[in-house]
Structures are given as C-alpha cells and as structure tokens.
Protein backbone atom coordinates (compact mmCIF):
# COMPACT_ATOMS: atom_id res chain seq x y z
CA MET A 1 -126.96 37.41 93.58
CA SER A 2 -123.03 35.75 93.94
CA ALA A 3 -122.15 32.15 95.16
CA ALA A 4 -120.75 33.64 98.62
CA ASP A 5 -124.01 35.38 99.35
CA GLU A 6 -126.33 32.40 98.31
CA LEU A 7 -124.22 30.44 100.54
CA ILE A 8 -124.26 32.72 103.16
CA ALA A 9 -128.15 33.66 102.56
CA PHE A 10 -128.60 29.06 103.38
CA LEU A 11 -126.40 29.14 106.15
CA SER A 12 -127.20 32.11 108.07
CA PRO A 13 -130.96 30.08 109.54
CA LYS A 14 -128.51 27.30 111.23
CA LEU A 15 -125.71 29.97 112.92
CA GLY A 16 -126.25 28.86 116.70
CA THR A 17 -127.84 25.28 115.91
CA GLU A 18 -126.31 22.33 116.13
CA ILE A 19 -125.95 21.22 112.14
CA HIS A 20 -124.61 17.45 112.96
CA VAL A 21 -123.90 14.37 115.03
CA GLY A 22 -121.42 12.16 113.99
CA PRO A 23 -121.29 8.02 114.27
CA TRP A 24 -119.54 6.50 117.33
CA LEU A 25 -115.99 5.67 116.92
CA THR A 26 -114.32 3.18 119.07
CA VAL A 27 -111.21 3.93 119.86
CA GLU A 28 -108.53 0.32 119.89
CA GLN A 29 -105.43 0.19 120.73
CA SER A 30 -104.44 -0.60 117.62
CA ARG A 31 -105.23 2.70 116.00
CA ILE A 32 -103.51 4.25 119.19
CA ASP A 33 -100.19 2.61 118.41
CA ALA A 34 -100.21 3.12 114.67
CA PHE A 35 -100.91 6.99 115.80
CA SER A 36 -97.62 6.53 117.96
CA ALA A 37 -96.09 5.15 115.43
CA ALA A 38 -96.80 7.40 112.80
CA THR A 39 -96.14 10.56 115.03
CA GLY A 40 -92.94 8.98 117.35
CA ASP A 41 -95.43 9.84 120.40
CA VAL A 42 -94.84 6.82 121.95
CA GLN A 43 -95.23 7.23 125.87
CA TRP A 44 -96.08 4.55 127.72
CA ILE A 45 -99.60 6.04 128.80
CA HIS A 46 -100.57 5.68 125.24
CA THR A 47 -98.42 2.39 124.37
CA ASP A 48 -98.04 0.24 126.99
CA PRO A 49 -101.39 -1.60 128.05
CA GLU A 50 -99.80 -3.37 131.15
CA ARG A 51 -97.98 -0.33 132.61
CA ALA A 52 -100.70 1.90 132.11
CA ARG A 53 -103.53 -0.75 133.94
CA ARG A 54 -101.17 -0.42 136.76
CA ASP A 55 -99.17 3.18 136.89
CA SER A 56 -101.69 5.26 135.03
CA PRO A 57 -104.46 7.76 136.92
CA TYR A 58 -106.56 6.02 134.01
CA GLY A 59 -106.23 2.17 134.29
CA ALA A 60 -105.63 2.13 130.87
CA THR A 61 -103.92 3.21 127.75
CA ILE A 62 -105.57 6.68 126.82
CA ALA A 63 -105.66 7.69 122.82
CA HIS A 64 -103.60 10.88 122.25
CA GLY A 65 -105.39 14.07 122.61
CA PHE A 66 -103.37 14.81 118.95
CA LEU A 67 -105.33 11.72 118.13
CA THR A 68 -108.77 12.61 118.57
CA LEU A 69 -108.28 16.16 116.81
CA SER A 70 -107.21 14.17 113.41
CA LEU A 71 -110.45 12.07 113.28
CA LEU A 72 -112.32 14.84 113.34
CA PRO A 73 -113.15 14.17 109.54
CA PHE A 74 -113.95 11.13 110.59
CA LEU A 75 -115.92 12.13 113.35
CA THR A 76 -117.59 15.38 111.70
CA GLU A 77 -118.54 12.97 108.64
CA ALA A 78 -116.91 15.82 106.38
CA ASN A 79 -115.83 13.75 103.53
CA ALA A 80 -118.76 11.56 103.26
CA PRO A 81 -120.42 11.45 100.35
CA GLY A 82 -122.78 14.01 99.22
CA GLN A 83 -121.88 15.57 102.15
CA PHE A 84 -120.23 18.77 100.39
CA GLU A 85 -122.87 19.25 97.84
CA ARG A 86 -125.87 19.46 100.76
CA ASN A 87 -123.97 21.39 103.02
CA TYR A 88 -122.10 24.37 100.79
CA PRO A 89 -124.05 24.60 97.72
CA GLY A 90 -122.52 26.35 94.74
CA MET A 91 -119.20 26.11 96.26
CA ARG A 92 -116.42 23.67 94.44
CA LEU A 93 -113.73 23.74 97.26
CA ARG A 94 -112.98 23.58 101.21
CA VAL A 95 -110.24 24.58 102.65
CA ASN A 96 -109.10 23.56 106.34
CA TYR A 97 -108.05 27.23 107.71
CA GLY A 98 -107.06 26.11 110.95
CA LEU A 99 -108.53 25.83 114.83
CA ASN A 100 -108.93 28.45 117.65
CA ARG A 101 -109.08 27.25 120.89
CA VAL A 102 -108.63 23.75 121.07
CA ARG A 103 -109.04 21.96 124.45
CA PHE A 104 -109.10 17.90 125.64
CA PRO A 105 -111.17 18.33 129.04
CA ALA A 106 -111.02 14.40 129.18
CA ALA A 107 -108.91 11.28 128.40
CA VAL A 108 -110.28 8.57 125.90
CA LYS A 109 -109.37 5.43 127.16
CA THR A 110 -108.80 2.43 125.06
CA GLY A 111 -112.08 1.09 124.26
CA SER A 112 -114.14 4.25 124.86
CA GLY A 113 -116.57 5.11 121.68
CA ILE A 114 -116.32 8.88 120.55
CA ARG A 115 -118.26 10.85 118.36
CA ALA A 116 -118.38 14.50 117.25
CA ARG A 117 -121.37 16.99 117.54
CA THR A 118 -120.84 20.06 115.27
CA ARG A 119 -122.47 23.95 115.84
CA LEU A 120 -122.04 26.57 113.13
CA THR A 121 -120.88 29.06 115.33
CA ALA A 122 -119.92 32.35 112.52
CA LEU A 123 -120.66 32.94 108.78
CA GLU A 124 -117.91 35.75 107.02
CA PRO A 125 -117.87 37.04 103.94
CA LEU A 126 -114.60 37.16 101.55
CA GLY A 127 -114.85 38.19 98.90
CA GLU A 128 -115.95 35.79 96.49
CA ALA A 129 -114.56 33.04 99.39
CA VAL A 130 -116.56 31.89 103.03
CA GLN A 131 -115.15 31.85 106.00
CA ILE A 132 -117.33 29.23 108.40
CA THR A 133 -116.91 28.62 111.36
CA TYR A 134 -118.10 25.71 113.54
CA GLU A 135 -117.72 24.76 117.52
CA ILE A 136 -117.08 20.70 117.65
CA THR A 137 -117.60 18.57 120.27
CA VAL A 138 -115.96 15.37 120.85
CA GLU A 139 -117.88 13.29 123.72
CA ILE A 140 -117.25 10.37 125.26
CA GLU A 141 -119.57 7.58 125.55
CA GLY A 142 -121.07 7.45 129.20
CA GLU A 143 -119.02 9.86 130.35
CA LYS A 144 -119.77 13.67 131.35
CA LYS A 145 -117.08 15.34 130.07
CA PRO A 146 -115.57 16.18 126.63
CA ALA A 147 -112.46 14.37 125.08
CA CYS A 148 -112.20 17.68 122.82
CA VAL A 149 -113.97 20.83 122.06
CA VAL A 150 -112.41 23.09 119.47
CA GLU A 151 -113.67 25.81 117.32
CA GLN A 152 -112.41 25.10 113.76
CA LEU A 153 -112.52 27.23 110.74
CA PHE A 154 -113.38 26.49 107.00
CA ARG A 155 -113.13 28.52 103.68
CA LEU A 156 -114.93 27.94 100.89
CA TYR A 157 -114.53 28.96 97.41
CA PRO A 158 -117.22 28.86 94.72
C-alpha cells in the first residue's frame, strides 16, 4: 500500500466531521495596524478608532477580511509542534494549494476573540500525493455570524 493510500485510509473515517477547534485569539488594534502597514490597506474603518466609533456602522475599527484569512495557520494550529506528524502520517510535505469559496459574513471588531473550526470535506488521490479539502469557519466570540467561511485545499506528498 502506498503512503497516499495509507493517508487516505487514516483520514477517511474523519470525512465530514469536525477535526479541530483552534484557540481563541483576540484581534487587537496593533495587529490590524501592522496588517494595514504591510498591505497598504489603510482605510479609516480599520485604522482610525475615533472616526470608526463615530462614522462606521460597527462603532469601532474592524479587522480586514484578509487579515482574518491570513490568520488561518495560527487559528487552525496547522504548524503547531507535532501537528503535521499526527495528522498526516507517512507524508513529508504539505503545500497550500489554494482556496475555493471564501466569504466574510460578519466583521471582526477590534478587541474581539476569534477561533477556527475545521471540518474535513474531501480526500482525493493525486498519483503519489493526496489533496485534502477543509471547510474552515472562523467564529467570533459572542456572535451568531462567523467572520469567515472558507474552503481550503492542501496537497500532501510522501
């Protein structure tokens, strides 16, 4: 049996199930400001707390949707020590293959806590490799609507 077949056999029982709930992360203004500086997206709704309090529908500054998306490695603990070995036995390399549908249903106000819930939705053999699809929902503490819902694809190689 190949390493890809072994990985599919290992993960198949988890298909359609929630496989991970990540840690809460408080999104502070300093993180939003750093993201603004790095990307050049300095729109006042992200960077001007006084104006946002006064003029935005949220009453506060909000995180960029792409900031929330960029936090997925932390929120899913994808690179935490031992995580790769536990989740992908027999594999040596994981490549982020991209995203399918991405939505930002609710804004993340500064000071909010967010965390990710991950569900395994598909496994596909690709020669010696395996493509994995996850549905990741980033929830906002105390809110009904999530901050982000995304379908993320990874390719794993033996």
